Amino acid sequence: VVEPEIKAETEDKVEETVEVKPVKVVSPDELKQRTIDFLVELAKKMNIDITVECEINENDLNFNVKGDNVGKLIGYRGETLNAIQILLGGLKRAGEGRYRLYLDVEDYKKGREQTLVDLANRMADKAEEIERNVHLDPMSAYERRIVHSALQNRTLVETESMGEGETRHVVIKFKR
């Protein structure tokens, strides 16, 4: 049996000086232009011609990409769109964290949201009918949040996310 090494702590206090650098607060217009430039350059590298619209609401910058053959930007079940959304989060610098960037392509997310709400209600009805739990396919955190929100006021079912990573999915649980 190996005994763990015990270290004695001293009560000597070390004072550190932390240099506070001023944070440059960027205007939403500057962040908007940088994001549009990024999206146009990305699309150009994918041989896609796009136009980008942006609507600014308080701390949200909502971008909608339009153009021909933009399906490449959406990808299978929105996977490419989700990846680009993550990249946009990395585009922000210190001081810009107060702005949220949302990306949609040809209103794909808007349509997907309605599809998920419809699916959630159909599956909740099924769970109530068969009086059993219903497991949905794996989804992104964004999509799971839509399902949870859609069913939060239902009295006979509740939702829970289960699984890890790529297998994380929503379970619609029948309340007994």
C-alpha atoms as a PDB file:
ATOM      1  CA  VAL A   1       0.000   0.000   0.000  1.00  0.00           C
ATOM      2  CA  VAL A   2       1.387   3.356  -1.040  1.00  0.00           C
ATOM      3  CA  GLU A   3       0.700   6.198   1.348  1.00  0.00           C
ATOM      4  CA  PRO A   4      -0.322   9.478  -0.297  1.00  0.00           C
ATOM      5  CA  GLU A   5       2.147  12.269   0.163  1.00  0.00           C
ATOM      6  CA  ILE A   6       0.892  14.918   2.555  1.00  0.00           C
ATOM      7  CA  LYS A   7       1.988  18.465   1.968  1.00  0.00           C
ATOM      8  CA  ALA A   8       1.921  20.988   4.762  1.00  0.00           C
ATOM      9  CA  GLU A   9       0.477  24.331   3.829  1.00  0.00           C
ATOM     10  CA  THR A  10       2.151  27.448   5.094  1.00  0.00           C
ATOM     11  CA  GLU A  11       0.308  30.513   6.164  1.00  0.00           C
ATOM     12  CA  ASP A  12       2.608  32.829   4.251  1.00  0.00           C
ATOM     13  CA  LYS A  13       0.458  35.118   2.182  1.00  0.00           C
ATOM     14  CA  VAL A  14       1.637  36.046  -1.246  1.00  0.00           C
ATOM     15  CA  GLU A  15       0.266  39.291  -2.525  1.00  0.00           C
ATOM     16  CA  GLU A  16      -0.254  39.519  -6.236  1.00  0.00           C
ATOM     17  CA  THR A  17      -0.848  42.613  -8.214  1.00  0.00           C
ATOM     18  CA  VAL A  18      -3.175  42.143 -11.116  1.00  0.00           C
ATOM     19  CA  GLU A  19      -2.936  44.566 -13.949  1.00  0.00           C
ATOM     20  CA  VAL A  20      -6.397  45.530 -15.129  1.00  0.00           C
ATOM     21  CA  LYS A  21      -6.473  46.371 -18.796  1.00  0.00           C
ATOM     22  CA  PRO A  22      -9.299  48.559 -20.024  1.00  0.00           C
ATOM     23  CA  VAL A  23     -11.785  46.692 -22.172  1.00  0.00           C
ATOM     24  CA  LYS A  24     -12.540  48.299 -25.493  1.00  0.00           C
ATOM     25  CA  VAL A  25     -16.293  48.308 -25.903  1.00  0.00           C
ATOM     26  CA  VAL A  26     -17.127  47.809 -29.544  1.00  0.00           C
ATOM     27  CA  SER A  27     -20.192  49.186 -31.238  1.00  0.00           C
ATOM     28  CA  PRO A  28     -22.684  46.642 -32.550  1.00  0.00           C
ATOM     29  CA  ASP A  29     -22.120  48.095 -36.030  1.00  0.00           C
ATOM     30  CA  GLU A  30     -18.423  47.179 -35.886  1.00  0.00           C
ATOM     31  CA  LEU A  31     -19.218  43.643 -34.734  1.00  0.00           C
ATOM     32  CA  LYS A  32     -21.924  43.416 -37.410  1.00  0.00           C
ATOM     33  CA  GLN A  33     -19.485  44.395 -40.179  1.00  0.00           C
ATOM     34  CA  ARG A  34     -16.784  42.000 -38.957  1.00  0.00           C
ATOM     35  CA  THR A  35     -19.343  39.153 -38.870  1.00  0.00           C
ATOM     36  CA  ILE A  36     -20.663  39.951 -42.349  1.00  0.00           C
ATOM     37  CA  ASP A  37     -17.097  40.042 -43.705  1.00  0.00           C
ATOM     38  CA  PHE A  38     -16.417  36.641 -42.118  1.00  0.00           C
ATOM     39  CA  LEU A  39     -19.601  35.089 -43.556  1.00  0.00           C
ATOM     40  CA  VAL A  40     -19.001  36.486 -47.058  1.00  0.00           C
ATOM     41  CA  GLU A  41     -15.385  35.248 -47.050  1.00  0.00           C
ATOM     42  CA  LEU A  42     -16.436  31.795 -45.804  1.00  0.00           C
ATOM     43  CA  ALA A  43     -19.116  31.533 -48.506  1.00  0.00           C
ATOM     44  CA  LYS A  44     -16.650  32.687 -51.158  1.00  0.00           C
ATOM     45  CA  LYS A  45     -14.294  29.847 -50.164  1.00  0.00           C
ATOM     46  CA  MET A  46     -17.238  27.447 -50.570  1.00  0.00           C
ATOM     47  CA  ASN A  47     -18.025  28.945 -54.009  1.00  0.00           C
ATOM     48  CA  ILE A  48     -21.366  30.343 -52.824  1.00  0.00           C
ATOM     49  CA  ASP A  49     -22.596  33.835 -53.635  1.00  0.00           C
ATOM     50  CA  ILE A  50     -24.544  35.274 -50.666  1.00  0.00           C
ATOM     51  CA  THR A  51     -26.113  38.385 -49.264  1.00  0.00           C
ATOM     52  CA  VAL A  52     -26.269  38.897 -45.507  1.00  0.00           C
ATOM     53  CA  GLU A  53     -29.023  40.775 -43.711  1.00  0.00           C
ATOM     54  CA  CYS A  54     -28.619  41.821 -40.084  1.00  0.00           C
ATOM     55  CA  GLU A  55     -31.174  43.017 -37.597  1.00  0.00           C
ATOM     56  CA  ILE A  56     -29.971  44.502 -34.305  1.00  0.00           C
ATOM     57  CA  ASN A  57     -32.268  44.146 -31.276  1.00  0.00           C
ATOM     58  CA  GLU A  58     -30.830  45.355 -27.952  1.00  0.00           C
ATOM     59  CA  ASN A  59     -27.937  42.897 -27.378  1.00  0.00           C
ATOM     60  CA  ASP A  60     -28.815  40.497 -30.218  1.00  0.00           C
ATOM     61  CA  LEU A  61     -27.423  40.617 -33.724  1.00  0.00           C
ATOM     62  CA  ASN A  62     -29.580  38.406 -35.952  1.00  0.00           C
ATOM     63  CA  PHE A  63     -27.977  37.481 -39.267  1.00  0.00           C
ATOM     64  CA  ASN A  64     -29.892  35.867 -42.131  1.00  0.00           C
ATOM     65  CA  VAL A  65     -27.949  34.605 -45.139  1.00  0.00           C
ATOM     66  CA  LYS A  66     -29.653  34.449 -48.524  1.00  0.00           C
ATOM     67  CA  GLY A  67     -28.512  33.326 -51.943  1.00  0.00           C
ATOM     68  CA  ASP A  68     -28.364  30.469 -54.419  1.00  0.00           C
ATOM     69  CA  ASN A  69     -27.089  27.065 -53.318  1.00  0.00           C
ATOM     70  CA  VAL A  70     -26.932  28.104 -49.634  1.00  0.00           C
ATOM     71  CA  GLY A  71     -27.922  24.574 -48.642  1.00  0.00           C
ATOM     72  CA  LYS A  72     -24.177  23.916 -48.313  1.00  0.00           C
ATOM     73  CA  LEU A  73     -24.143  26.409 -45.437  1.00  0.00           C
ATOM     74  CA  ILE A  74     -26.960  24.521 -43.704  1.00  0.00           C
ATOM     75  CA  GLY A  75     -25.613  20.998 -44.135  1.00  0.00           C
ATOM     76  CA  TYR A  76     -27.245  17.742 -43.029  1.00  0.00           C
ATOM     77  CA  ARG A  77     -29.841  18.535 -40.348  1.00  0.00           C
ATOM     78  CA  GLY A  78     -28.261  21.951 -39.870  1.00  0.00           C
ATOM     79  CA  GLU A  79     -24.886  20.596 -38.742  1.00  0.00           C
ATOM     80  CA  THR A  80     -22.846  23.006 -40.876  1.00  0.00           C
ATOM     81  CA  LEU A  81     -25.029  25.911 -39.771  1.00  0.00           C
ATOM     82  CA  ASN A  82     -24.469  24.944 -36.113  1.00  0.00           C
ATOM     83  CA  ALA A  83     -20.700  24.758 -36.694  1.00  0.00           C
ATOM     84  CA  ILE A  84     -20.675  28.215 -38.294  1.00  0.00           C
ATOM     85  CA  GLN A  85     -22.699  29.522 -35.331  1.00  0.00           C
ATOM     86  CA  ILE A  86     -19.962  28.238 -32.997  1.00  0.00           C
ATOM     87  CA  LEU A  87     -17.298  29.938 -35.120  1.00  0.00           C
ATOM     88  CA  LEU A  88     -19.229  33.209 -34.877  1.00  0.00           C
ATOM     89  CA  GLY A  89     -19.050  32.942 -31.093  1.00  0.00           C
ATOM     90  CA  GLY A  90     -15.260  32.827 -31.414  1.00  0.00           C
ATOM     91  CA  LEU A  91     -15.303  35.951 -33.563  1.00  0.00           C
ATOM     92  CA  LYS A  92     -16.229  38.114 -30.592  1.00  0.00           C
ATOM     93  CA  ARG A  93     -13.454  39.701 -28.598  1.00  0.00           C
ATOM     94  CA  ALA A  94     -13.278  40.778 -24.970  1.00  0.00           C
ATOM     95  CA  GLY A  95     -15.876  43.429 -24.291  1.00  0.00           C
ATOM     96  CA  GLU A  96     -18.164  42.083 -26.970  1.00  0.00           C
ATOM     97  CA  GLY A  97     -19.555  39.290 -24.807  1.00  0.00           C
ATOM     98  CA  ARG A  98     -22.610  41.363 -24.121  1.00  0.00           C
ATOM     99  CA  TYR A  99     -23.758  40.833 -27.715  1.00  0.00           C
ATOM    100  CA  ARG A 100     -25.248  37.546 -28.907  1.00  0.00           C
ATOM    101  CA  LEU A 101     -24.869  36.567 -32.536  1.00  0.00           C
ATOM    102  CA  TYR A 102     -27.591  34.457 -34.144  1.00  0.00           C
ATOM    103  CA  LEU A 103     -27.223  33.011 -37.612  1.00  0.00           C
ATOM    104  CA  ASP A 104     -29.940  31.682 -39.899  1.00  0.00           C
ATOM    105  CA  VAL A 105     -29.735  30.648 -43.546  1.00  0.00           C
ATOM    106  CA  GLU A 106     -32.804  31.275 -45.723  1.00  0.00           C
ATOM    107  CA  ASP A 107     -34.915  31.116 -42.521  1.00  0.00           C
ATOM    108  CA  TYR A 108     -33.928  27.451 -42.026  1.00  0.00           C
ATOM    109  CA  LYS A 109     -33.863  27.747 -38.226  1.00  0.00           C
ATOM    110  CA  LYS A 110     -37.252  29.440 -38.170  1.00  0.00           C
ATOM    111  CA  GLY A 111     -38.747  26.550 -40.167  1.00  0.00           C
ATOM    112  CA  ARG A 112     -36.841  23.956 -38.148  1.00  0.00           C
ATOM    113  CA  GLU A 113     -38.169  25.495 -34.932  1.00  0.00           C
ATOM    114  CA  GLN A 114     -41.778  25.080 -36.092  1.00  0.00           C
ATOM    115  CA  THR A 115     -41.052  21.497 -37.184  1.00  0.00           C
ATOM    116  CA  LEU A 116     -39.608  20.724 -33.736  1.00  0.00           C
ATOM    117  CA  VAL A 117     -42.594  22.284 -31.931  1.00  0.00           C
ATOM    118  CA  ASP A 118     -44.958  20.178 -34.066  1.00  0.00           C
ATOM    119  CA  LEU A 119     -42.883  17.033 -33.439  1.00  0.00           C
ATOM    120  CA  ALA A 120     -42.757  17.708 -29.695  1.00  0.00           C
ATOM    121  CA  ASN A 121     -46.541  18.084 -29.486  1.00  0.00           C
ATOM    122  CA  ARG A 122     -47.175  14.943 -31.588  1.00  0.00           C
ATOM    123  CA  MET A 123     -44.795  12.889 -29.453  1.00  0.00           C
ATOM    124  CA  ALA A 124     -46.275  14.302 -26.223  1.00  0.00           C
ATOM    125  CA  ASP A 125     -49.731  13.272 -27.460  1.00  0.00           C
ATOM    126  CA  LYS A 126     -48.325   9.806 -28.184  1.00  0.00           C
ATOM    127  CA  ALA A 127     -46.750   9.562 -24.713  1.00  0.00           C
ATOM    128  CA  GLU A 128     -50.112  10.485 -23.166  1.00  0.00           C
ATOM    129  CA  GLU A 129     -51.957   7.983 -25.355  1.00  0.00           C
ATOM    130  CA  ILE A 130     -49.677   4.992 -24.684  1.00  0.00           C
ATOM    131  CA  GLU A 131     -48.861   6.137 -21.123  1.00  0.00           C
ATOM    132  CA  ARG A 132     -45.137   5.557 -21.657  1.00  0.00           C
ATOM    133  CA  ASN A 133     -41.996   7.607 -22.152  1.00  0.00           C
ATOM    134  CA  VAL A 134     -41.068   8.593 -25.703  1.00  0.00           C
ATOM    135  CA  HIS A 135     -37.413   9.063 -26.726  1.00  0.00           C
ATOM    136  CA  LEU A 136     -36.627  11.529 -29.519  1.00  0.00           C
ATOM    137  CA  ASP A 137     -33.617  11.363 -31.828  1.00  0.00           C
ATOM    138  CA  PRO A 138     -30.383  13.069 -30.719  1.00  0.00           C
ATOM    139  CA  MET A 139     -30.459  16.844 -31.152  1.00  0.00           C
ATOM    140  CA  SER A 140     -28.283  19.874 -30.592  1.00  0.00           C
ATOM    141  CA  ALA A 141     -28.678  21.870 -27.386  1.00  0.00           C
ATOM    142  CA  TYR A 142     -30.512  24.569 -29.339  1.00  0.00           C
ATOM    143  CA  GLU A 143     -33.049  22.050 -30.675  1.00  0.00           C
ATOM    144  CA  ARG A 144     -33.513  20.349 -27.288  1.00  0.00           C
ATOM    145  CA  ARG A 145     -34.247  23.742 -25.739  1.00  0.00           C
ATOM    146  CA  ILE A 146     -37.015  24.301 -28.305  1.00  0.00           C
ATOM    147  CA  VAL A 147     -38.634  20.946 -27.409  1.00  0.00           C
ATOM    148  CA  HIS A 148     -38.391  21.612 -23.663  1.00  0.00           C
ATOM    149  CA  SER A 149     -39.966  25.059 -24.118  1.00  0.00           C
ATOM    150  CA  ALA A 150     -42.742  23.744 -26.352  1.00  0.00           C
ATOM    151  CA  LEU A 151     -43.867  21.199 -23.751  1.00  0.00           C
ATOM    152  CA  GLN A 152     -43.272  23.089 -20.499  1.00  0.00           C
ATOM    153  CA  ASN A 153     -46.976  23.825 -19.954  1.00  0.00           C
ATOM    154  CA  ARG A 154     -48.235  20.303 -20.649  1.00  0.00           C
ATOM    155  CA  THR A 155     -49.703  18.723 -17.496  1.00  0.00           C
ATOM    156  CA  LEU A 156     -49.414  14.998 -18.311  1.00  0.00           C
ATOM    157  CA  VAL A 157     -45.824  14.971 -19.587  1.00  0.00           C
ATOM    158  CA  GLU A 158     -42.456  16.395 -18.647  1.00  0.00           C
ATOM    159  CA  THR A 159     -39.184  16.512 -20.575  1.00  0.00           C
ATOM    160  CA  GLU A 160     -35.639  15.581 -19.702  1.00  0.00           C
ATOM    161  CA  SER A 161     -32.416  15.522 -21.711  1.00  0.00           C
ATOM    162  CA  MET A 162     -30.509  12.252 -21.470  1.00  0.00           C
ATOM    163  CA  GLY A 163     -27.301  10.838 -22.914  1.00  0.00           C
ATOM    164  CA  GLU A 164     -23.907  12.362 -23.545  1.00  0.00           C
ATOM    165  CA  GLY A 165     -22.377  14.199 -26.461  1.00  0.00           C
ATOM    166  CA  GLU A 166     -23.679  13.142 -29.865  1.00  0.00           C
ATOM    167  CA  THR A 167     -26.313  10.844 -28.313  1.00  0.00           C
ATOM    168  CA  ARG A 168     -27.895  13.505 -26.087  1.00  0.00           C
ATOM    169  CA  HIS A 169     -31.635  13.514 -26.714  1.00  0.00           C
ATOM    170  CA  VAL A 170     -34.970  14.520 -25.190  1.00  0.00           C
ATOM    171  CA  VAL A 171     -37.183  12.039 -23.369  1.00  0.00           C
ATOM    172  CA  ILE A 172     -40.844  12.974 -23.074  1.00  0.00           C
ATOM    173  CA  LYS A 173     -41.905  11.354 -19.820  1.00  0.00           C
ATOM    174  CA  PHE A 174     -45.479  10.413 -19.060  1.00  0.00           C
ATOM    175  CA  LYS A 175     -46.415  11.537 -15.524  1.00  0.00           C
ATOM    176  CA  ARG A 176     -47.999   8.639 -13.660  1.00  0.00           C
END
